Amino acid sequence: MTLTYLLSPARAARLNAQVIEDSSLPSLSETIDRLISRTWAPRPIENPITRRYQHVVQRVLLKQLINLASTDSVAPDIRETVRSHLSLLRQDLHLAADAEPAEAQLIIDAMKDIDQLLTGERER
């Protein structure tokens, strides 16, 4: 629910605009960067329940970013910012593709979803 609010088209537009008025506030790019680094950065999680929750958060974040990047009513500069971050995430995931089996399928699926968006093959 929180990610849906943070990455709604209206909120993304405000984040994108607010930094023009006050550079001390986080931009859309900084917000996305923090969200990705907090959810997708490699950290060993031993507890299987915590790891499962982490996977859910990762998938929800990815879904919200893909939705924001593929919504026609979102301003082109916002869509491009999101696509840029997804492209960087995809590069990082590629480096982590040799993860343990529990992580590997999540990574493969995420890379596939990002590739579909970036190549324009995603169905809306």
PDB file of N, CA and C in Angstrom:
ATOM      1  N   MET A   1       0.817  -1.192   0.000  1.00  0.00           N
ATOM      2  CA  MET A   1       0.000   0.000   0.000  1.00  0.00           C
ATOM      3  C   MET A   1       0.863   1.260   0.000  1.00  0.00           C
ATOM      4  N   THR A   2       1.899   1.286   0.810  1.00  0.00           N
ATOM      5  CA  THR A   2       2.761   2.457   0.877  1.00  0.00           C
ATOM      6  C   THR A   2       3.486   2.678  -0.444  1.00  0.00           C
ATOM      7  N   LEU A   3       3.966   1.602  -1.071  1.00  0.00           N
ATOM      8  CA  LEU A   3       4.650   1.741  -2.353  1.00  0.00           C
ATOM      9  C   LEU A   3       3.696   2.227  -3.439  1.00  0.00           C
ATOM     10  N   THR A   4       2.462   1.784  -3.370  1.00  0.00           N
ATOM     11  CA  THR A   4       1.463   2.239  -4.332  1.00  0.00           C
ATOM     12  C   THR A   4       1.279   3.753  -4.202  1.00  0.00           C
ATOM     13  N   TYR A   5       1.248   4.245  -2.986  1.00  0.00           N
ATOM     14  CA  TYR A   5       1.097   5.684  -2.760  1.00  0.00           C
ATOM     15  C   TYR A   5       2.356   6.433  -3.203  1.00  0.00           C
ATOM     16  N   LEU A   6       3.517   5.954  -2.786  1.00  0.00           N
ATOM     17  CA  LEU A   6       4.768   6.637  -3.115  1.00  0.00           C
ATOM     18  C   LEU A   6       5.007   6.717  -4.614  1.00  0.00           C
ATOM     19  N   LEU A   7       4.568   5.690  -5.338  1.00  0.00           N
ATOM     20  CA  LEU A   7       4.854   5.630  -6.768  1.00  0.00           C
ATOM     21  C   LEU A   7       3.614   5.842  -7.632  1.00  0.00           C
ATOM     22  N   SER A   8       2.621   6.507  -7.084  1.00  0.00           N
ATOM     23  CA  SER A   8       1.456   6.855  -7.899  1.00  0.00           C
ATOM     24  C   SER A   8       1.876   7.940  -8.889  1.00  0.00           C
ATOM     25  N   PRO A   9       1.213   8.033 -10.034  1.00  0.00           N
ATOM     26  CA  PRO A   9       1.576   9.075 -10.999  1.00  0.00           C
ATOM     27  C   PRO A   9       1.542  10.488 -10.413  1.00  0.00           C
ATOM     28  N   ALA A  10       0.542  10.786  -9.607  1.00  0.00           N
ATOM     29  CA  ALA A  10       0.441  12.130  -9.023  1.00  0.00           C
ATOM     30  C   ALA A  10       1.603  12.399  -8.056  1.00  0.00           C
ATOM     31  N   ARG A  11       1.916  11.427  -7.226  1.00  0.00           N
ATOM     32  CA  ARG A  11       3.022  11.590  -6.273  1.00  0.00           C
ATOM     33  C   ARG A  11       4.355  11.700  -7.011  1.00  0.00           C
ATOM     34  N   ALA A  12       4.528  10.910  -8.050  1.00  0.00           N
ATOM     35  CA  ALA A  12       5.764  10.978  -8.841  1.00  0.00           C
ATOM     36  C   ALA A  12       5.926  12.364  -9.453  1.00  0.00           C
ATOM     37  N   ALA A  13       4.837  12.931  -9.938  1.00  0.00           N
ATOM     38  CA  ALA A  13       4.891  14.281 -10.508  1.00  0.00           C
ATOM     39  C   ALA A  13       5.277  15.305  -9.450  1.00  0.00           C
ATOM     40  N   ARG A  14       4.709  15.160  -8.246  1.00  0.00           N
ATOM     41  CA  ARG A  14       5.068  16.093  -7.154  1.00  0.00           C
ATOM     42  C   ARG A  14       6.537  15.940  -6.768  1.00  0.00           C
ATOM     43  N   LEU A  15       7.013  14.708  -6.664  1.00  0.00           N
ATOM     44  CA  LEU A  15       8.421  14.484  -6.332  1.00  0.00           C
ATOM     45  C   LEU A  15       9.329  15.089  -7.398  1.00  0.00           C
ATOM     46  N   ASN A  16       8.910  14.951  -8.632  1.00  0.00           N
ATOM     47  CA  ASN A  16       9.694  15.472  -9.741  1.00  0.00           C
ATOM     48  C   ASN A  16       9.738  16.997  -9.717  1.00  0.00           C
ATOM     49  N   ALA A  17       8.634  17.622  -9.298  1.00  0.00           N
ATOM     50  CA  ALA A  17       8.544  19.083  -9.305  1.00  0.00           C
ATOM     51  C   ALA A  17       9.065  19.731  -8.028  1.00  0.00           C
ATOM     52  N   GLN A  18       8.952  19.042  -6.899  1.00  0.00           N
ATOM     53  CA  GLN A  18       9.276  19.686  -5.624  1.00  0.00           C
ATOM     54  C   GLN A  18      10.740  20.058  -5.503  1.00  0.00           C
ATOM     55  N   VAL A  19      11.603  19.320  -6.140  1.00  0.00           N
ATOM     56  CA  VAL A  19      13.029  19.604  -6.037  1.00  0.00           C
ATOM     57  C   VAL A  19      13.389  20.916  -6.735  1.00  0.00           C
ATOM     58  N   ILE A  20      12.565  21.350  -7.673  1.00  0.00           N
ATOM     59  CA  ILE A  20      12.779  22.638  -8.345  1.00  0.00           C
ATOM     60  C   ILE A  20      12.560  23.779  -7.359  1.00  0.00           C
ATOM     61  N   GLU A  21      11.560  23.618  -6.507  1.00  0.00           N
ATOM     62  CA  GLU A  21      11.232  24.649  -5.518  1.00  0.00           C
ATOM     63  C   GLU A  21      12.153  24.617  -4.303  1.00  0.00           C
ATOM     64  N   ASP A  22      12.548  23.393  -3.907  1.00  0.00           N
ATOM     65  CA  ASP A  22      13.367  23.238  -2.699  1.00  0.00           C
ATOM     66  C   ASP A  22      14.324  22.067  -2.899  1.00  0.00           C
ATOM     67  N   SER A  23      15.564  22.378  -3.180  1.00  0.00           N
ATOM     68  CA  SER A  23      16.548  21.341  -3.502  1.00  0.00           C
ATOM     69  C   SER A  23      16.896  20.442  -2.306  1.00  0.00           C
ATOM     70  N   SER A  24      16.437  20.809  -1.111  1.00  0.00           N
ATOM     71  CA  SER A  24      16.698  19.955   0.048  1.00  0.00           C
ATOM     72  C   SER A  24      15.725  18.770   0.110  1.00  0.00           C
ATOM     73  N   LEU A  25      14.646  18.833  -0.670  1.00  0.00           N
ATOM     74  CA  LEU A  25      13.671  17.748  -0.702  1.00  0.00           C
ATOM     75  C   LEU A  25      14.127  16.674  -1.683  1.00  0.00           C
ATOM     76  N   PRO A  26      13.745  15.428  -1.427  1.00  0.00           N
ATOM     77  CA  PRO A  26      14.182  14.360  -2.341  1.00  0.00           C
ATOM     78  C   PRO A  26      13.463  14.443  -3.685  1.00  0.00           C
ATOM     79  N   SER A  27      14.213  14.185  -4.732  1.00  0.00           N
ATOM     80  CA  SER A  27      13.638  14.149  -6.071  1.00  0.00           C
ATOM     81  C   SER A  27      13.030  12.763  -6.315  1.00  0.00           C
ATOM     82  N   LEU A  28      12.329  12.644  -7.429  1.00  0.00           N
ATOM     83  CA  LEU A  28      11.798  11.340  -7.815  1.00  0.00           C
ATOM     84  C   LEU A  28      12.944  10.345  -7.997  1.00  0.00           C
ATOM     85  N   SER A  29      13.989  10.774  -8.649  1.00  0.00           N
ATOM     86  CA  SER A  29      15.137   9.898  -8.882  1.00  0.00           C
ATOM     87  C   SER A  29      15.764   9.429  -7.571  1.00  0.00           C
ATOM     88  N   GLU A  30      15.945  10.332  -6.636  1.00  0.00           N
ATOM     89  CA  GLU A  30      16.513   9.968  -5.332  1.00  0.00           C
ATOM     90  C   GLU A  30      15.591   9.017  -4.576  1.00  0.00           C
ATOM     91  N   THR A  31      14.302   9.249  -4.663  1.00  0.00           N
ATOM     92  CA  THR A  31      13.336   8.379  -3.986  1.00  0.00           C
ATOM     93  C   THR A  31      13.383   6.971  -4.559  1.00  0.00           C
ATOM     94  N   ILE A  32      13.390   6.872  -5.878  1.00  0.00           N
ATOM     95  CA  ILE A  32      13.459   5.552  -6.516  1.00  0.00           C
ATOM     96  C   ILE A  32      14.775   4.873  -6.164  1.00  0.00           C
ATOM     97  N   ASP A  33      15.855   5.619  -6.199  1.00  0.00           N
ATOM     98  CA  ASP A  33      17.167   5.053  -5.866  1.00  0.00           C
ATOM     99  C   ASP A  33      17.177   4.483  -4.444  1.00  0.00           C
ATOM    100  N   ARG A  34      16.617   5.216  -3.513  1.00  0.00           N
ATOM    101  CA  ARG A  34      16.556   4.734  -2.124  1.00  0.00           C
ATOM    102  C   ARG A  34      15.675   3.503  -1.992  1.00  0.00           C
ATOM    103  N   LEU A  35      14.532   3.515  -2.665  1.00  0.00           N
ATOM    104  CA  LEU A  35      13.636   2.357  -2.597  1.00  0.00           C
ATOM    105  C   LEU A  35      14.326   1.108  -3.154  1.00  0.00           C
ATOM    106  N   ILE A  36      14.981   1.260  -4.283  1.00  0.00           N
ATOM    107  CA  ILE A  36      15.665   0.111  -4.884  1.00  0.00           C
ATOM    108  C   ILE A  36      16.814  -0.354  -4.002  1.00  0.00           C
ATOM    109  N   SER A  37      17.601   0.574  -3.501  1.00  0.00           N
ATOM    110  CA  SER A  37      18.748   0.164  -2.688  1.00  0.00           C
ATOM    111  C   SER A  37      18.328  -0.500  -1.378  1.00  0.00           C
ATOM    112  N   ARG A  38      17.182  -0.091  -0.841  1.00  0.00           N
ATOM    113  CA  ARG A  38      16.709  -0.683   0.412  1.00  0.00           C
ATOM    114  C   ARG A  38      16.045  -2.052   0.200  1.00  0.00           C
ATOM    115  N   THR A  39      15.528  -2.290  -1.006  1.00  0.00           N
ATOM    116  CA  THR A  39      14.808  -3.545  -1.226  1.00  0.00           C
ATOM    117  C   THR A  39      15.606  -4.565  -2.036  1.00  0.00           C
ATOM    118  N   TRP A  40      16.402  -4.113  -2.988  1.00  0.00           N
ATOM    119  CA  TRP A  40      17.097  -5.042  -3.872  1.00  0.00           C
ATOM    120  C   TRP A  40      18.588  -5.186  -3.565  1.00  0.00           C
ATOM    121  N   ALA A  41      19.155  -4.341  -2.730  1.00  0.00           N
ATOM    122  CA  ALA A  41      20.584  -4.460  -2.424  1.00  0.00           C
ATOM    123  C   ALA A  41      20.859  -5.812  -1.778  1.00  0.00           C
ATOM    124  N   PRO A  42      21.910  -6.462  -2.225  1.00  0.00           N
ATOM    125  CA  PRO A  42      22.197  -7.793  -1.668  1.00  0.00           C
ATOM    126  C   PRO A  42      22.586  -7.726  -0.191  1.00  0.00           C
ATOM    127  N   ARG A  43      21.792  -8.376   0.598  1.00  0.00           N
ATOM    128  CA  ARG A  43      22.057  -8.521   2.034  1.00  0.00           C
ATOM    129  C   ARG A  43      21.708  -9.951   2.396  1.00  0.00           C
ATOM    130  N   PRO A  44      22.574 -10.605   3.090  1.00  0.00           N
ATOM    131  CA  PRO A  44      22.214 -11.974   3.494  1.00  0.00           C
ATOM    132  C   PRO A  44      21.088 -11.965   4.524  1.00  0.00           C
ATOM    133  N   ILE A  45      20.021 -12.657   4.204  1.00  0.00           N
ATOM    134  CA  ILE A  45      18.890 -12.792   5.120  1.00  0.00           C
ATOM    135  C   ILE A  45      18.743 -14.273   5.426  1.00  0.00           C
ATOM    136  N   GLU A  46      19.056 -14.638   6.643  1.00  0.00           N
ATOM    137  CA  GLU A  46      19.056 -16.050   7.035  1.00  0.00           C
ATOM    138  C   GLU A  46      17.659 -16.580   7.325  1.00  0.00           C
ATOM    139  N   ASN A  47      16.837 -15.773   7.947  1.00  0.00           N
ATOM    140  CA  ASN A  47      15.510 -16.214   8.342  1.00  0.00           C
ATOM    141  C   ASN A  47      14.635 -16.399   7.100  1.00  0.00           C
ATOM    142  N   PRO A  48      14.126 -17.614   6.857  1.00  0.00           N
ATOM    143  CA  PRO A  48      13.341 -17.847   5.637  1.00  0.00           C
ATOM    144  C   PRO A  48      12.048 -17.039   5.566  1.00  0.00           C
ATOM    145  N   ILE A  49      11.442 -16.749   6.687  1.00  0.00           N
ATOM    146  CA  ILE A  49      10.216 -15.950   6.685  1.00  0.00           C
ATOM    147  C   ILE A  49      10.536 -14.502   6.312  1.00  0.00           C
ATOM    148  N   THR A  50      11.574 -13.964   6.888  1.00  0.00           N
ATOM    149  CA  THR A  50      11.999 -12.601   6.553  1.00  0.00           C
ATOM    150  C   THR A  50      12.409 -12.520   5.091  1.00  0.00           C
ATOM    151  N   ARG A  51      13.094 -13.541   4.599  1.00  0.00           N
ATOM    152  CA  ARG A  51      13.506 -13.578   3.193  1.00  0.00           C
ATOM    153  C   ARG A  51      12.275 -13.583   2.276  1.00  0.00           C
ATOM    154  N   ARG A  52      11.259 -14.337   2.659  1.00  0.00           N
ATOM    155  CA  ARG A  52      10.035 -14.385   1.854  1.00  0.00           C
ATOM    156  C   ARG A  52       9.363 -13.012   1.806  1.00  0.00           C
ATOM    157  N   TYR A  53       9.295 -12.332   2.964  1.00  0.00           N
ATOM    158  CA  TYR A  53       8.730 -10.975   2.983  1.00  0.00           C
ATOM    159  C   TYR A  53       9.550 -10.029   2.104  1.00  0.00           C
ATOM    160  N   GLN A  54      10.857 -10.188   2.164  1.00  0.00           N
ATOM    161  CA  GLN A  54      11.732  -9.362   1.330  1.00  0.00           C
ATOM    162  C   GLN A  54      11.420  -9.580  -0.150  1.00  0.00           C
ATOM    163  N   HIS A  55      11.194 -10.808  -0.542  1.00  0.00           N
ATOM    164  CA  HIS A  55      10.865 -11.109  -1.938  1.00  0.00           C
ATOM    165  C   HIS A  55       9.538 -10.469  -2.344  1.00  0.00           C
ATOM    166  N   VAL A  56       8.579 -10.497  -1.437  1.00  0.00           N
ATOM    167  CA  VAL A  56       7.278  -9.869  -1.723  1.00  0.00           C
ATOM    168  C   VAL A  56       7.467  -8.370  -1.937  1.00  0.00           C
ATOM    169  N   VAL A  57       8.213  -7.725  -1.074  1.00  0.00           N
ATOM    170  CA  VAL A  57       8.454  -6.286  -1.206  1.00  0.00           C
ATOM    171  C   VAL A  57       9.195  -5.991  -2.512  1.00  0.00           C
ATOM    172  N   GLN A  58      10.157  -6.815  -2.851  1.00  0.00           N
ATOM    173  CA  GLN A  58      10.891  -6.621  -4.101  1.00  0.00           C
ATOM    174  C   GLN A  58       9.956  -6.697  -5.306  1.00  0.00           C
ATOM    175  N   ARG A  59       9.087  -7.690  -5.324  1.00  0.00           N
ATOM    176  CA  ARG A  59       8.160  -7.845  -6.449  1.00  0.00           C
ATOM    177  C   ARG A  59       7.150  -6.688  -6.512  1.00  0.00           C
ATOM    178  N   VAL A  60       6.660  -6.255  -5.359  1.00  0.00           N
ATOM    179  CA  VAL A  60       5.701  -5.143  -5.338  1.00  0.00           C
ATOM    180  C   VAL A  60       6.371  -3.868  -5.851  1.00  0.00           C
ATOM    181  N   LEU A  61       7.587  -3.598  -5.397  1.00  0.00           N
ATOM    182  CA  LEU A  61       8.301  -2.417  -5.869  1.00  0.00           C
ATOM    183  C   LEU A  61       8.511  -2.491  -7.378  1.00  0.00           C
ATOM    184  N   LEU A  62       8.952  -3.628  -7.860  1.00  0.00           N
ATOM    185  CA  LEU A  62       9.179  -3.780  -9.296  1.00  0.00           C
ATOM    186  C   LEU A  62       7.884  -3.554 -10.080  1.00  0.00           C
ATOM    187  N   LYS A  63       6.803  -4.130  -9.606  1.00  0.00           N
ATOM    188  CA  LYS A  63       5.502  -3.961 -10.271  1.00  0.00           C
ATOM    189  C   LYS A  63       5.105  -2.486 -10.319  1.00  0.00           C
ATOM    190  N   GLN A  64       5.261  -1.782  -9.205  1.00  0.00           N
ATOM    191  CA  GLN A  64       4.882  -0.360  -9.161  1.00  0.00           C
ATOM    192  C   GLN A  64       5.753   0.473 -10.098  1.00  0.00           C
ATOM    193  N   LEU A  65       7.047   0.182 -10.146  1.00  0.00           N
ATOM    194  CA  LEU A  65       7.930   0.923 -11.039  1.00  0.00           C
ATOM    195  C   LEU A  65       7.577   0.657 -12.503  1.00  0.00           C
ATOM    196  N   ILE A  66       7.318  -0.589 -12.827  1.00  0.00           N
ATOM    197  CA  ILE A  66       6.946  -0.935 -14.200  1.00  0.00           C
ATOM    198  C   ILE A  66       5.630  -0.267 -14.572  1.00  0.00           C
ATOM    199  N   ASN A  67       4.670  -0.281 -13.670  1.00  0.00           N
ATOM    200  CA  ASN A  67       3.393   0.391 -13.947  1.00  0.00           C
ATOM    201  C   ASN A  67       3.588   1.887 -14.187  1.00  0.00           C
ATOM    202  N   LEU A  68       4.417   2.515 -13.365  1.00  0.00           N
ATOM    203  CA  LEU A  68       4.663   3.948 -13.520  1.00  0.00           C
ATOM    204  C   LEU A  68       5.361   4.231 -14.849  1.00  0.00           C
ATOM    205  N   ALA A  69       6.300   3.392 -15.212  1.00  0.00           N
ATOM    206  CA  ALA A  69       7.054   3.599 -16.454  1.00  0.00           C
ATOM    207  C   ALA A  69       6.231   3.317 -17.702  1.00  0.00           C
ATOM    208  N   SER A  70       5.149   2.580 -17.561  1.00  0.00           N
ATOM    209  CA  SER A  70       4.378   2.191 -18.742  1.00  0.00           C
ATOM    210  C   SER A  70       3.008   2.862 -18.829  1.00  0.00           C
ATOM    211  N   THR A  71       2.716   3.776 -17.931  1.00  0.00           N
ATOM    212  CA  THR A  71       1.430   4.469 -17.950  1.00  0.00           C
ATOM    213  C   THR A  71       1.511   5.682 -18.866  1.00  0.00           C
ATOM    214  N   ASP A  72       0.717   5.664 -19.913  1.00  0.00           N
ATOM    215  CA  ASP A  72       0.769   6.733 -20.917  1.00  0.00           C
ATOM    216  C   ASP A  72       0.460   8.111 -20.356  1.00  0.00           C
ATOM    217  N   SER A  73      -0.357   8.186 -19.320  1.00  0.00           N
ATOM    218  CA  SER A  73      -0.729   9.491 -18.765  1.00  0.00           C
ATOM    219  C   SER A  73       0.377  10.106 -17.904  1.00  0.00           C
ATOM    220  N   VAL A  74       1.418   9.352 -17.623  1.00  0.00           N
ATOM    221  CA  VAL A  74       2.556   9.870 -16.845  1.00  0.00           C
ATOM    222  C   VAL A  74       3.460  10.656 -17.794  1.00  0.00           C
ATOM    223  N   ALA A  75       3.948  11.773 -17.307  1.00  0.00           N
ATOM    224  CA  ALA A  75       4.809  12.632 -18.131  1.00  0.00           C
ATOM    225  C   ALA A  75       6.021  11.853 -18.653  1.00  0.00           C
ATOM    226  N   PRO A  76       6.421  12.134 -19.896  1.00  0.00           N
ATOM    227  CA  PRO A  76       7.545  11.407 -20.492  1.00  0.00           C
ATOM    228  C   PRO A  76       8.840  11.474 -19.681  1.00  0.00           C
ATOM    229  N   ASP A  77       9.129  12.615 -19.060  1.00  0.00           N
ATOM    230  CA  ASP A  77      10.372  12.703 -18.281  1.00  0.00           C
ATOM    231  C   ASP A  77      10.323  11.817 -17.044  1.00  0.00           C
ATOM    232  N   ILE A  78       9.150  11.647 -16.467  1.00  0.00           N
ATOM    233  CA  ILE A  78       9.004  10.759 -15.313  1.00  0.00           C
ATOM    234  C   ILE A  78       9.161   9.303 -15.758  1.00  0.00           C
ATOM    235  N   ARG A  79       8.511   8.955 -16.866  1.00  0.00           N
ATOM    236  CA  ARG A  79       8.641   7.587 -17.387  1.00  0.00           C
ATOM    237  C   ARG A  79      10.100   7.277 -17.701  1.00  0.00           C
ATOM    238  N   GLU A  80      10.813   8.237 -18.263  1.00  0.00           N
ATOM    239  CA  GLU A  80      12.218   8.024 -18.602  1.00  0.00           C
ATOM    240  C   GLU A  80      13.079   7.870 -17.342  1.00  0.00           C
ATOM    241  N   THR A  81      12.786   8.631 -16.317  1.00  0.00           N
ATOM    242  CA  THR A  81      13.514   8.491 -15.048  1.00  0.00           C
ATOM    243  C   THR A  81      13.331   7.088 -14.481  1.00  0.00           C
ATOM    244  N   VAL A  82      12.097   6.618 -14.487  1.00  0.00           N
ATOM    245  CA  VAL A  82      11.807   5.280 -13.957  1.00  0.00           C
ATOM    246  C   VAL A  82      12.479   4.217 -14.816  1.00  0.00           C
ATOM    247  N   ARG A  83      12.391   4.354 -16.132  1.00  0.00           N
ATOM    248  CA  ARG A  83      13.028   3.387 -17.038  1.00  0.00           C
ATOM    249  C   ARG A  83      14.542   3.335 -16.813  1.00  0.00           C
ATOM    250  N   SER A  84      15.125   4.481 -16.581  1.00  0.00           N
ATOM    251  CA  SER A  84      16.566   4.538 -16.328  1.00  0.00           C
ATOM    252  C   SER A  84      16.929   3.756 -15.067  1.00  0.00           C
ATOM    253  N   HIS A  85      16.148   3.936 -14.032  1.00  0.00           N
ATOM    254  CA  HIS A  85      16.400   3.203 -12.788  1.00  0.00           C
ATOM    255  C   HIS A  85      16.161   1.708 -12.972  1.00  0.00           C
ATOM    256  N   LEU A  86      15.150   1.352 -13.736  1.00  0.00           N
ATOM    257  CA  LEU A  86      14.894  -0.073 -14.003  1.00  0.00           C
ATOM    258  C   LEU A  86      16.034  -0.682 -14.817  1.00  0.00           C
ATOM    259  N   SER A  87      16.563   0.072 -15.741  1.00  0.00           N
ATOM    260  CA  SER A  87      17.695  -0.413 -16.532  1.00  0.00           C
ATOM    261  C   SER A  87      18.916  -0.670 -15.639  1.00  0.00           C
ATOM    262  N   LEU A  88      19.174   0.244 -14.722  1.00  0.00           N
ATOM    263  CA  LEU A  88      20.283   0.053 -13.776  1.00  0.00           C
ATOM    264  C   LEU A  88      20.031  -1.142 -12.858  1.00  0.00           C
ATOM    265  N   LEU A  89      18.794  -1.286 -12.399  1.00  0.00           N
ATOM    266  CA  LEU A  89      18.445  -2.433 -11.564  1.00  0.00           C
ATOM    267  C   LEU A  89      18.668  -3.721 -12.339  1.00  0.00           C
ATOM    268  N   ARG A  90      18.299  -3.731 -13.599  1.00  0.00           N
ATOM    269  CA  ARG A  90      18.463  -4.927 -14.425  1.00  0.00           C
ATOM    270  C   ARG A  90      19.948  -5.298 -14.535  1.00  0.00           C
ATOM    271  N   GLN A  91      20.806  -4.300 -14.692  1.00  0.00           N
ATOM    272  CA  GLN A  91      22.253  -4.555 -14.744  1.00  0.00           C
ATOM    273  C   GLN A  91      22.732  -5.175 -13.434  1.00  0.00           C
ATOM    274  N   ASP A  92      22.263  -4.638 -12.321  1.00  0.00           N
ATOM    275  CA  ASP A  92      22.650  -5.180 -11.016  1.00  0.00           C
ATOM    276  C   ASP A  92      22.138  -6.605 -10.837  1.00  0.00           C
ATOM    277  N   LEU A  93      20.926  -6.856 -11.286  1.00  0.00           N
ATOM    278  CA  LEU A  93      20.363  -8.204 -11.163  1.00  0.00           C
ATOM    279  C   LEU A  93      21.134  -9.194 -12.018  1.00  0.00           C
ATOM    280  N   HIS A  94      21.571  -8.747 -13.180  1.00  0.00           N
ATOM    281  CA  HIS A  94      22.357  -9.627 -14.050  1.00  0.00           C
ATOM    282  C   HIS A  94      23.627 -10.093 -13.334  1.00  0.00           C
ATOM    283  N   LEU A  95      24.238  -9.198 -12.592  1.00  0.00           N
ATOM    284  CA  LEU A  95      25.450  -9.552 -11.845  1.00  0.00           C
ATOM    285  C   LEU A  95      25.158 -10.534 -10.713  1.00  0.00           C
ATOM    286  N   ALA A  96      23.917 -10.526 -10.224  1.00  0.00           N
ATOM    287  CA  ALA A  96      23.526 -11.401  -9.115  1.00  0.00           C
ATOM    288  C   ALA A  96      22.825 -12.667  -9.592  1.00  0.00           C
ATOM    289  N   ALA A  97      22.802 -12.907 -10.893  1.00  0.00           N
ATOM    290  CA  ALA A  97      22.039 -14.018 -11.458  1.00  0.00           C
ATOM    291  C   ALA A  97      22.523 -15.386 -11.002  1.00  0.00           C
ATOM    292  N   ASP A  98      23.719 -15.468 -10.467  1.00  0.00           N
ATOM    293  CA  ASP A  98      24.226 -16.757  -9.989  1.00  0.00           C
ATOM    294  C   ASP A  98      23.902 -16.985  -8.511  1.00  0.00           C
ATOM    295  N   ALA A  99      22.865 -16.339  -8.044  1.00  0.00           N
ATOM    296  CA  ALA A  99      22.444 -16.454  -6.647  1.00  0.00           C
ATOM    297  C   ALA A  99      21.960 -17.871  -6.347  1.00  0.00           C
ATOM    298  N   GLU A 100      21.735 -18.117  -5.079  1.00  0.00           N
ATOM    299  CA  GLU A 100      21.209 -19.423  -4.675  1.00  0.00           C
ATOM    300  C   GLU A 100      19.848 -19.644  -5.327  1.00  0.00           C
ATOM    301  N   PRO A 101      19.418 -20.906  -5.454  1.00  0.00           N
ATOM    302  CA  PRO A 101      18.181 -21.207  -6.189  1.00  0.00           C
ATOM    303  C   PRO A 101      16.953 -20.430  -5.726  1.00  0.00           C
ATOM    304  N   ALA A 102      16.802 -20.206  -4.446  1.00  0.00           N
ATOM    305  CA  ALA A 102      15.633 -19.473  -3.948  1.00  0.00           C
ATOM    306  C   ALA A 102      15.606 -18.044  -4.476  1.00  0.00           C
ATOM    307  N   GLU A 103      16.769 -17.474  -4.655  1.00  0.00           N
ATOM    308  CA  GLU A 103      16.870 -16.102  -5.155  1.00  0.00           C
ATOM    309  C   GLU A 103      16.883 -16.062  -6.679  1.00  0.00           C
ATOM    310  N   ALA A 104      17.421 -17.100  -7.287  1.00  0.00           N
ATOM    311  CA  ALA A 104      17.641 -17.094  -8.734  1.00  0.00           C
ATOM    312  C   ALA A 104      16.347 -16.905  -9.519  1.00  0.00           C
ATOM    313  N   GLN A 105      15.285 -17.595  -9.144  1.00  0.00           N
ATOM    314  CA  GLN A 105      14.039 -17.471  -9.900  1.00  0.00           C
ATOM    315  C   GLN A 105      13.455 -16.079  -9.780  1.00  0.00           C
ATOM    316  N   LEU A 106      13.530 -15.493  -8.604  1.00  0.00           N
ATOM    317  CA  LEU A 106      13.073 -14.117  -8.410  1.00  0.00           C
ATOM    318  C   LEU A 106      13.845 -13.178  -9.332  1.00  0.00           C
ATOM    319  N   ILE A 107      15.148 -13.345  -9.392  1.00  0.00           N
ATOM    320  CA  ILE A 107      16.005 -12.493 -10.219  1.00  0.00           C
ATOM    321  C   ILE A 107      15.695 -12.691 -11.696  1.00  0.00           C
ATOM    322  N   ILE A 108      15.555 -13.929 -12.119  1.00  0.00           N
ATOM    323  CA  ILE A 108      15.236 -14.220 -13.528  1.00  0.00           C
ATOM    324  C   ILE A 108      13.901 -13.593 -13.917  1.00  0.00           C
ATOM    325  N   ASP A 109      12.902 -13.767 -13.071  1.00  0.00           N
ATOM    326  CA  ASP A 109      11.579 -13.194 -13.350  1.00  0.00           C
ATOM    327  C   ASP A 109      11.633 -11.664 -13.403  1.00  0.00           C
ATOM    328  N   ALA A 110      12.364 -11.062 -12.478  1.00  0.00           N
ATOM    329  CA  ALA A 110      12.477  -9.598 -12.454  1.00  0.00           C
ATOM    330  C   ALA A 110      13.175  -9.096 -13.713  1.00  0.00           C
ATOM    331  N   MET A 111      14.250  -9.755 -14.119  1.00  0.00           N
ATOM    332  CA  MET A 111      14.965  -9.349 -15.326  1.00  0.00           C
ATOM    333  C   MET A 111      14.065  -9.479 -16.560  1.00  0.00           C
ATOM    334  N   LYS A 112      13.279 -10.540 -16.608  1.00  0.00           N
ATOM    335  CA  LYS A 112      12.345 -10.738 -17.725  1.00  0.00           C
ATOM    336  C   LYS A 112      11.316  -9.610 -17.770  1.00  0.00           C
ATOM    337  N   ASP A 113      10.745  -9.259 -16.620  1.00  0.00           N
ATOM    338  CA  ASP A 113       9.750  -8.186 -16.564  1.00  0.00           C
ATOM    339  C   ASP A 113      10.349  -6.843 -17.009  1.00  0.00           C
ATOM    340  N   ILE A 114      11.553  -6.563 -16.552  1.00  0.00           N
ATOM    341  CA  ILE A 114      12.216  -5.310 -16.939  1.00  0.00           C
ATOM    342  C   ILE A 114      12.521  -5.321 -18.431  1.00  0.00           C
ATOM    343  N   ASP A 115      13.023  -6.439 -18.934  1.00  0.00           N
ATOM    344  CA  ASP A 115      13.323  -6.543 -20.365  1.00  0.00           C
ATOM    345  C   ASP A 115      12.082  -6.305 -21.209  1.00  0.00           C
ATOM    346  N   GLN A 116      10.955  -6.868 -20.791  1.00  0.00           N
ATOM    347  CA  GLN A 116       9.714  -6.685 -21.540  1.00  0.00           C
ATOM    348  C   GLN A 116       9.320  -5.211 -21.591  1.00  0.00           C
ATOM    349  N   LEU A 117       9.488  -4.515 -20.490  1.00  0.00           N
ATOM    350  CA  LEU A 117       9.166  -3.089 -20.479  1.00  0.00           C
ATOM    351  C   LEU A 117      10.129  -2.316 -21.380  1.00  0.00           C
ATOM    352  N   LEU A 118      11.415  -2.564 -21.226  1.00  0.00           N
ATOM    353  CA  LEU A 118      12.416  -1.781 -21.946  1.00  0.00           C
ATOM    354  C   LEU A 118      12.412  -2.051 -23.443  1.00  0.00           C
ATOM    355  N   THR A 119      11.970  -3.240 -23.842  1.00  0.00           N
ATOM    356  CA  THR A 119      11.921  -3.556 -25.274  1.00  0.00           C
ATOM    357  C   THR A 119      10.549  -3.275 -25.878  1.00  0.00           C
ATOM    358  N   GLY A 120       9.607  -2.831 -25.055  1.00  0.00           N
ATOM    359  CA  GLY A 120       8.282  -2.499 -25.544  1.00  0.00           C
ATOM    360  C   GLY A 120       7.379  -3.686 -25.778  1.00  0.00           C
ATOM    361  N   GLU A 121       7.720  -4.847 -25.230  1.00  0.00           N
ATOM    362  CA  GLU A 121       6.935  -6.053 -25.436  1.00  0.00           C
ATOM    363  C   GLU A 121       5.906  -6.272 -24.347  1.00  0.00           C
ATOM    364  N   ARG A 122       5.833  -5.376 -23.380  1.00  0.00           N
ATOM    365  CA  ARG A 122       4.913  -5.546 -22.266  1.00  0.00           C
ATOM    366  C   ARG A 122       3.484  -5.263 -22.705  1.00  0.00           C
ATOM    367  N   GLU A 123       2.573  -6.162 -22.343  1.00  0.00           N
ATOM    368  CA  GLU A 123       1.163  -5.923 -22.633  1.00  0.00           C
ATOM    369  C   GLU A 123       0.605  -5.014 -21.553  1.00  0.00           C
ATOM    370  N   ARG A 124      -0.267  -4.117 -21.937  1.00  0.00           N
ATOM    371  CA  ARG A 124      -0.854  -3.187 -20.967  1.00  0.00           C
ATOM    372  C   ARG A 124      -2.210  -3.630 -20.571  1.00  0.00           C
TER     373      ARG A 124
END
